[in-house]
């Protein structure tokens, strides 16, 4: 089996994908996080070019016109996308790339790189657990939480399109399972 170079993690907002992604990035030396572009506001502690490339809606729309993105999506009145240059630069240096993106973005990566992408869906055990996690983060309004929960139901209905599914009930077990999937299927060191 040929080992893949593109790892896509998707999950509903609050599903734990960012926590699992951080652990995978710390464990595998040639795994690099793809930094997405977004028009959403920067959260406390975030830096431009680290968590995201923060752009205005006008800059993002110009990037769409110039075909600068492998995939992009408008979610919750903001744009998110994967710059082509992220993949091109990593491929040149022999690194594997981890994408922390939504379900639609994951399907776009799979269409663009069907033989070199591994898609893992991180799911909470149920929507009640997800709601509790969203409320505990205290980063969204009540309206945003309801919107995210509605979207989560849609995203969870798409998880059968992924190569692997990891249930994040006990975080340490979910991390261990994700690490084993990556070790088995990705060209990591």
C-alpha atoms as a PDB file:
ATOM      1  CA  UNK A   1       0.000   0.000   0.000  1.00  0.00           C
ATOM      2  CA  UNK A   2       1.274   3.437  -0.941  1.00  0.00           C
ATOM      3  CA  UNK A   3       1.341   5.738   2.046  1.00  0.00           C
ATOM      4  CA  UNK A   4      -0.444   9.035   1.642  1.00  0.00           C
ATOM      5  CA  UNK A   5       0.824  12.589   2.209  1.00  0.00           C
ATOM      6  CA  UNK A   6      -2.362  14.583   2.870  1.00  0.00           C
ATOM      7  CA  UNK A   7      -4.212  14.052   6.148  1.00  0.00           C
ATOM      8  CA  UNK A   8      -7.624  15.656   6.528  1.00  0.00           C
ATOM      9  CA  UNK A   9      -9.255  15.924   9.952  1.00  0.00           C
ATOM     10  CA  UNK A  10     -12.865  17.066  10.066  1.00  0.00           C
ATOM     11  CA  UNK A  11     -15.307  17.310  12.933  1.00  0.00           C
ATOM     12  CA  UNK A  12     -18.209  19.408  14.065  1.00  0.00           C
ATOM     13  CA  UNK A  13     -17.140  22.594  15.827  1.00  0.00           C
ATOM     14  CA  UNK A  14     -16.166  21.491  19.349  1.00  0.00           C
ATOM     15  CA  UNK A  15     -15.557  17.889  18.249  1.00  0.00           C
ATOM     16  CA  UNK A  16     -11.905  17.892  19.320  1.00  0.00           C
ATOM     17  CA  UNK A  17     -10.146  17.928  15.962  1.00  0.00           C
ATOM     18  CA  UNK A  18      -7.823  20.805  16.852  1.00  0.00           C
ATOM     19  CA  UNK A  19      -6.706  19.070  20.064  1.00  0.00           C
ATOM     20  CA  UNK A  20      -6.050  15.812  18.198  1.00  0.00           C
ATOM     21  CA  UNK A  21      -4.318  17.702  15.378  1.00  0.00           C
ATOM     22  CA  UNK A  22      -1.910  19.346  17.857  1.00  0.00           C
ATOM     23  CA  UNK A  23      -0.964  15.960  19.307  1.00  0.00           C
ATOM     24  CA  UNK A  24      -0.376  14.446  15.846  1.00  0.00           C
ATOM     25  CA  UNK A  25       1.766  17.423  14.835  1.00  0.00           C
ATOM     26  CA  UNK A  26       3.905  17.060  17.974  1.00  0.00           C
ATOM     27  CA  UNK A  27       4.340  13.315  17.410  1.00  0.00           C
ATOM     28  CA  UNK A  28       5.359  13.183  13.716  1.00  0.00           C
ATOM     29  CA  UNK A  29       8.310  15.317  12.640  1.00  0.00           C
ATOM     30  CA  UNK A  30       7.436  15.586   8.947  1.00  0.00           C
ATOM     31  CA  UNK A  31       3.757  16.381   9.480  1.00  0.00           C
ATOM     32  CA  UNK A  32       2.996  20.072   8.882  1.00  0.00           C
ATOM     33  CA  UNK A  33      -0.253  21.907   9.565  1.00  0.00           C
ATOM     34  CA  UNK A  34      -1.869  23.485   6.542  1.00  0.00           C
ATOM     35  CA  UNK A  35      -2.706  27.020   7.520  1.00  0.00           C
ATOM     36  CA  UNK A  36      -6.085  27.983   6.093  1.00  0.00           C
ATOM     37  CA  UNK A  37      -7.200  31.455   5.168  1.00  0.00           C
ATOM     38  CA  UNK A  38     -10.277  32.968   6.805  1.00  0.00           C
ATOM     39  CA  UNK A  39     -12.278  36.160   7.012  1.00  0.00           C
ATOM     40  CA  UNK A  40     -13.447  35.493  10.595  1.00  0.00           C
ATOM     41  CA  UNK A  41     -12.220  37.710  13.407  1.00  0.00           C
ATOM     42  CA  UNK A  42      -9.025  36.736  15.173  1.00  0.00           C
ATOM     43  CA  UNK A  43      -9.628  35.160  18.604  1.00  0.00           C
ATOM     44  CA  UNK A  44      -7.506  35.999  21.670  1.00  0.00           C
ATOM     45  CA  UNK A  45      -4.080  34.346  21.429  1.00  0.00           C
ATOM     46  CA  UNK A  46      -4.243  33.753  17.663  1.00  0.00           C
ATOM     47  CA  UNK A  47      -1.607  35.095  15.280  1.00  0.00           C
ATOM     48  CA  UNK A  48      -1.844  35.806  11.565  1.00  0.00           C
ATOM     49  CA  UNK A  49      -0.072  33.070   9.614  1.00  0.00           C
ATOM     50  CA  UNK A  50      -0.053  30.646  12.562  1.00  0.00           C
ATOM     51  CA  UNK A  51      -3.647  29.502  13.173  1.00  0.00           C
ATOM     52  CA  UNK A  52      -4.998  31.137   9.994  1.00  0.00           C
ATOM     53  CA  UNK A  53      -4.121  33.705   7.366  1.00  0.00           C
ATOM     54  CA  UNK A  54      -6.631  36.383   8.356  1.00  0.00           C
ATOM     55  CA  UNK A  55      -8.022  38.224   5.331  1.00  0.00           C
ATOM     56  CA  UNK A  56     -10.740  40.736   4.570  1.00  0.00           C
ATOM     57  CA  UNK A  57     -13.727  39.487   2.584  1.00  0.00           C
ATOM     58  CA  UNK A  58     -12.514  41.575  -0.361  1.00  0.00           C
ATOM     59  CA  UNK A  59      -9.037  39.945  -0.264  1.00  0.00           C
ATOM     60  CA  UNK A  60     -10.591  36.496  -0.020  1.00  0.00           C
ATOM     61  CA  UNK A  61     -12.973  37.103  -2.941  1.00  0.00           C
ATOM     62  CA  UNK A  62     -10.034  38.266  -5.058  1.00  0.00           C
ATOM     63  CA  UNK A  63      -8.234  35.006  -4.147  1.00  0.00           C
ATOM     64  CA  UNK A  64     -11.281  33.046  -5.308  1.00  0.00           C
ATOM     65  CA  UNK A  65     -11.255  34.915  -8.634  1.00  0.00           C
ATOM     66  CA  UNK A  66      -7.521  34.177  -9.013  1.00  0.00           C
ATOM     67  CA  UNK A  67      -8.016  30.440  -8.201  1.00  0.00           C
ATOM     68  CA  UNK A  68      -5.656  30.730  -5.219  1.00  0.00           C
ATOM     69  CA  UNK A  69      -7.549  28.117  -3.169  1.00  0.00           C
ATOM     70  CA  UNK A  70      -7.720  24.315  -3.492  1.00  0.00           C
ATOM     71  CA  UNK A  71     -11.037  24.556  -1.672  1.00  0.00           C
ATOM     72  CA  UNK A  72     -13.031  27.222   0.082  1.00  0.00           C
ATOM     73  CA  UNK A  73     -16.339  27.511   1.860  1.00  0.00           C
ATOM     74  CA  UNK A  74     -18.522  30.206   3.366  1.00  0.00           C
ATOM     75  CA  UNK A  75     -19.525  29.156   6.899  1.00  0.00           C
ATOM     76  CA  UNK A  76     -21.278  31.294   9.503  1.00  0.00           C
ATOM     77  CA  UNK A  77     -20.914  34.427   7.291  1.00  0.00           C
ATOM     78  CA  UNK A  78     -17.151  33.965   6.962  1.00  0.00           C
ATOM     79  CA  UNK A  79     -14.961  32.436   4.273  1.00  0.00           C
ATOM     80  CA  UNK A  80     -12.465  29.614   4.945  1.00  0.00           C
ATOM     81  CA  UNK A  81     -10.109  28.166   2.351  1.00  0.00           C
ATOM     82  CA  UNK A  82      -6.919  26.237   1.710  1.00  0.00           C
ATOM     83  CA  UNK A  83      -4.314  28.206  -0.242  1.00  0.00           C
ATOM     84  CA  UNK A  84      -2.767  26.198  -3.107  1.00  0.00           C
ATOM     85  CA  UNK A  85       0.679  27.436  -2.112  1.00  0.00           C
ATOM     86  CA  UNK A  86       0.420  25.509   1.186  1.00  0.00           C
ATOM     87  CA  UNK A  87       0.268  22.162  -0.624  1.00  0.00           C
ATOM     88  CA  UNK A  88       2.824  23.089  -3.283  1.00  0.00           C
ATOM     89  CA  UNK A  89       5.438  24.211  -0.725  1.00  0.00           C
ATOM     90  CA  UNK A  90       5.028  21.114   1.438  1.00  0.00           C
ATOM     91  CA  UNK A  91       5.152  18.681  -1.490  1.00  0.00           C
ATOM     92  CA  UNK A  92       8.449  20.257  -2.590  1.00  0.00           C
ATOM     93  CA  UNK A  93       9.993  19.623   0.832  1.00  0.00           C
ATOM     94  CA  UNK A  94       8.619  16.074   1.277  1.00  0.00           C
ATOM     95  CA  UNK A  95       6.392  16.912   4.227  1.00  0.00           C
ATOM     96  CA  UNK A  96       2.990  15.456   4.955  1.00  0.00           C
ATOM     97  CA  UNK A  97       0.242  18.017   5.414  1.00  0.00           C
ATOM     98  CA  UNK A  98      -2.516  17.977   8.025  1.00  0.00           C
ATOM     99  CA  UNK A  99      -5.709  19.813   7.084  1.00  0.00           C
ATOM    100  CA  UNK A 100      -8.012  20.860   9.947  1.00  0.00           C
ATOM    101  CA  UNK A 101     -11.067  21.677   7.799  1.00  0.00           C
ATOM    102  CA  UNK A 102     -14.816  21.201   7.529  1.00  0.00           C
ATOM    103  CA  UNK A 103     -16.641  18.340   5.786  1.00  0.00           C
ATOM    104  CA  UNK A 104     -17.134  20.149   2.472  1.00  0.00           C
ATOM    105  CA  UNK A 105     -13.473  21.158   2.394  1.00  0.00           C
ATOM    106  CA  UNK A 106     -12.486  17.554   3.106  1.00  0.00           C
ATOM    107  CA  UNK A 107     -14.497  16.355   0.111  1.00  0.00           C
ATOM    108  CA  UNK A 108     -12.798  18.998  -2.062  1.00  0.00           C
ATOM    109  CA  UNK A 109      -9.338  17.759  -0.994  1.00  0.00           C
ATOM    110  CA  UNK A 110     -10.408  14.158  -1.689  1.00  0.00           C
ATOM    111  CA  UNK A 111     -11.621  15.138  -5.187  1.00  0.00           C
ATOM    112  CA  UNK A 112      -8.428  17.083  -5.934  1.00  0.00           C
ATOM    113  CA  UNK A 113      -6.035  14.430  -4.504  1.00  0.00           C
ATOM    114  CA  UNK A 114      -7.952  11.103  -4.444  1.00  0.00           C
ATOM    115  CA  UNK A 115      -4.871   8.877  -4.262  1.00  0.00           C
ATOM    116  CA  UNK A 116      -2.858  10.935  -1.779  1.00  0.00           C
ATOM    117  CA  UNK A 117      -5.412  11.950   0.858  1.00  0.00           C
ATOM    118  CA  UNK A 118      -6.568  10.232   4.047  1.00  0.00           C
ATOM    119  CA  UNK A 119      -9.773  11.609   5.568  1.00  0.00           C
ATOM    120  CA  UNK A 120     -10.532  11.099   9.265  1.00  0.00           C
ATOM    121  CA  UNK A 121     -13.795  12.278  10.812  1.00  0.00           C
ATOM    122  CA  UNK A 122     -13.640  13.057  14.541  1.00  0.00           C
ATOM    123  CA  UNK A 123     -17.096  12.720  16.059  1.00  0.00           C
ATOM    124  CA  UNK A 124     -18.405  13.348  19.543  1.00  0.00           C
ATOM    125  CA  UNK A 125     -20.329  10.425  21.056  1.00  0.00           C
ATOM    126  CA  UNK A 126     -23.568  12.450  20.691  1.00  0.00           C
ATOM    127  CA  UNK A 127     -24.916  15.969  20.136  1.00  0.00           C
ATOM    128  CA  UNK A 128     -25.489  16.556  23.878  1.00  0.00           C
ATOM    129  CA  UNK A 129     -21.758  16.074  24.543  1.00  0.00           C
ATOM    130  CA  UNK A 130     -20.964  18.443  21.682  1.00  0.00           C
ATOM    131  CA  UNK A 131     -23.316  21.101  23.050  1.00  0.00           C
ATOM    132  CA  UNK A 132     -21.670  20.855  26.457  1.00  0.00           C
ATOM    133  CA  UNK A 133     -18.200  21.277  24.904  1.00  0.00           C
ATOM    134  CA  UNK A 134     -19.306  24.328  22.901  1.00  0.00           C
ATOM    135  CA  UNK A 135     -20.806  25.961  25.993  1.00  0.00           C
ATOM    136  CA  UNK A 136     -17.709  25.218  28.086  1.00  0.00           C
ATOM    137  CA  UNK A 137     -15.408  26.983  25.597  1.00  0.00           C
ATOM    138  CA  UNK A 138     -17.348  30.209  26.146  1.00  0.00           C
ATOM    139  CA  UNK A 139     -16.300  31.643  22.763  1.00  0.00           C
ATOM    140  CA  UNK A 140     -19.705  31.728  21.020  1.00  0.00           C
ATOM    141  CA  UNK A 141     -23.039  33.417  21.645  1.00  0.00           C
ATOM    142  CA  UNK A 142     -26.213  31.391  22.230  1.00  0.00           C
ATOM    143  CA  UNK A 143     -27.216  32.003  18.600  1.00  0.00           C
ATOM    144  CA  UNK A 144     -23.799  30.825  17.365  1.00  0.00           C
ATOM    145  CA  UNK A 145     -24.039  27.668  19.495  1.00  0.00           C
ATOM    146  CA  UNK A 146     -27.448  26.837  17.993  1.00  0.00           C
ATOM    147  CA  UNK A 147     -26.105  27.454  14.473  1.00  0.00           C
ATOM    148  CA  UNK A 148     -23.080  25.240  15.153  1.00  0.00           C
ATOM    149  CA  UNK A 149     -25.260  22.435  16.546  1.00  0.00           C
ATOM    150  CA  UNK A 150     -27.504  22.550  13.469  1.00  0.00           C
ATOM    151  CA  UNK A 151     -24.456  22.367  11.218  1.00  0.00           C
ATOM    152  CA  UNK A 152     -23.009  19.542  13.353  1.00  0.00           C
ATOM    153  CA  UNK A 153     -26.009  17.342  12.604  1.00  0.00           C
ATOM    154  CA  UNK A 154     -25.408  17.872   8.852  1.00  0.00           C
ATOM    155  CA  UNK A 155     -21.670  17.214   9.188  1.00  0.00           C
ATOM    156  CA  UNK A 156     -22.202  14.042  11.204  1.00  0.00           C
ATOM    157  CA  UNK A 157     -24.553  12.767   8.485  1.00  0.00           C
ATOM    158  CA  UNK A 158     -21.596  12.983   6.052  1.00  0.00           C
ATOM    159  CA  UNK A 159     -19.062  11.018   8.132  1.00  0.00           C
ATOM    160  CA  UNK A 160     -19.603   7.785   6.180  1.00  0.00           C
ATOM    161  CA  UNK A 161     -17.815   9.452   3.235  1.00  0.00           C
ATOM    162  CA  UNK A 162     -14.571   9.535   5.252  1.00  0.00           C
ATOM    163  CA  UNK A 163     -11.852   6.866   5.192  1.00  0.00           C
ATOM    164  CA  UNK A 164     -11.829   6.522   8.994  1.00  0.00           C
ATOM    165  CA  UNK A 165     -14.062   7.602  11.881  1.00  0.00           C
ATOM    166  CA  UNK A 166     -12.733   8.275  15.390  1.00  0.00           C
ATOM    167  CA  UNK A 167     -15.255   8.717  18.224  1.00  0.00           C
ATOM    168  CA  UNK A 168     -13.938  11.315  20.652  1.00  0.00           C
ATOM    169  CA  UNK A 169     -15.568  10.217  23.890  1.00  0.00           C
ATOM    170  CA  UNK A 170     -12.391   9.804  25.956  1.00  0.00           C
ATOM    171  CA  UNK A 171      -9.800  12.180  24.494  1.00  0.00           C
ATOM    172  CA  UNK A 172      -6.719  10.034  25.231  1.00  0.00           C
ATOM    173  CA  UNK A 173      -8.286   7.042  23.465  1.00  0.00           C
ATOM    174  CA  UNK A 174      -9.311   9.156  20.466  1.00  0.00           C
ATOM    175  CA  UNK A 175      -5.759  10.532  20.203  1.00  0.00           C
ATOM    176  CA  UNK A 176      -4.285   7.028  20.404  1.00  0.00           C
ATOM    177  CA  UNK A 177      -6.632   5.739  17.710  1.00  0.00           C
ATOM    178  CA  UNK A 178      -5.900   8.698  15.416  1.00  0.00           C
ATOM    179  CA  UNK A 179      -2.135   8.224  15.902  1.00  0.00           C
ATOM    180  CA  UNK A 180      -2.370   4.560  14.912  1.00  0.00           C
ATOM    181  CA  UNK A 181      -4.408   5.397  11.800  1.00  0.00           C
ATOM    182  CA  UNK A 182      -1.828   8.009  10.791  1.00  0.00           C
ATOM    183  CA  UNK A 183       1.129   5.714  11.486  1.00  0.00           C
ATOM    184  CA  UNK A 184      -0.436   2.974   9.337  1.00  0.00           C
ATOM    185  CA  UNK A 185      -1.643   5.068   6.394  1.00  0.00           C
ATOM    186  CA  UNK A 186       0.502   8.198   6.125  1.00  0.00           C
ATOM    187  CA  UNK A 187       4.139   8.618   5.035  1.00  0.00           C
ATOM    188  CA  UNK A 188       5.110  10.078   8.419  1.00  0.00           C
ATOM    189  CA  UNK A 189       8.332   9.919  10.396  1.00  0.00           C
END
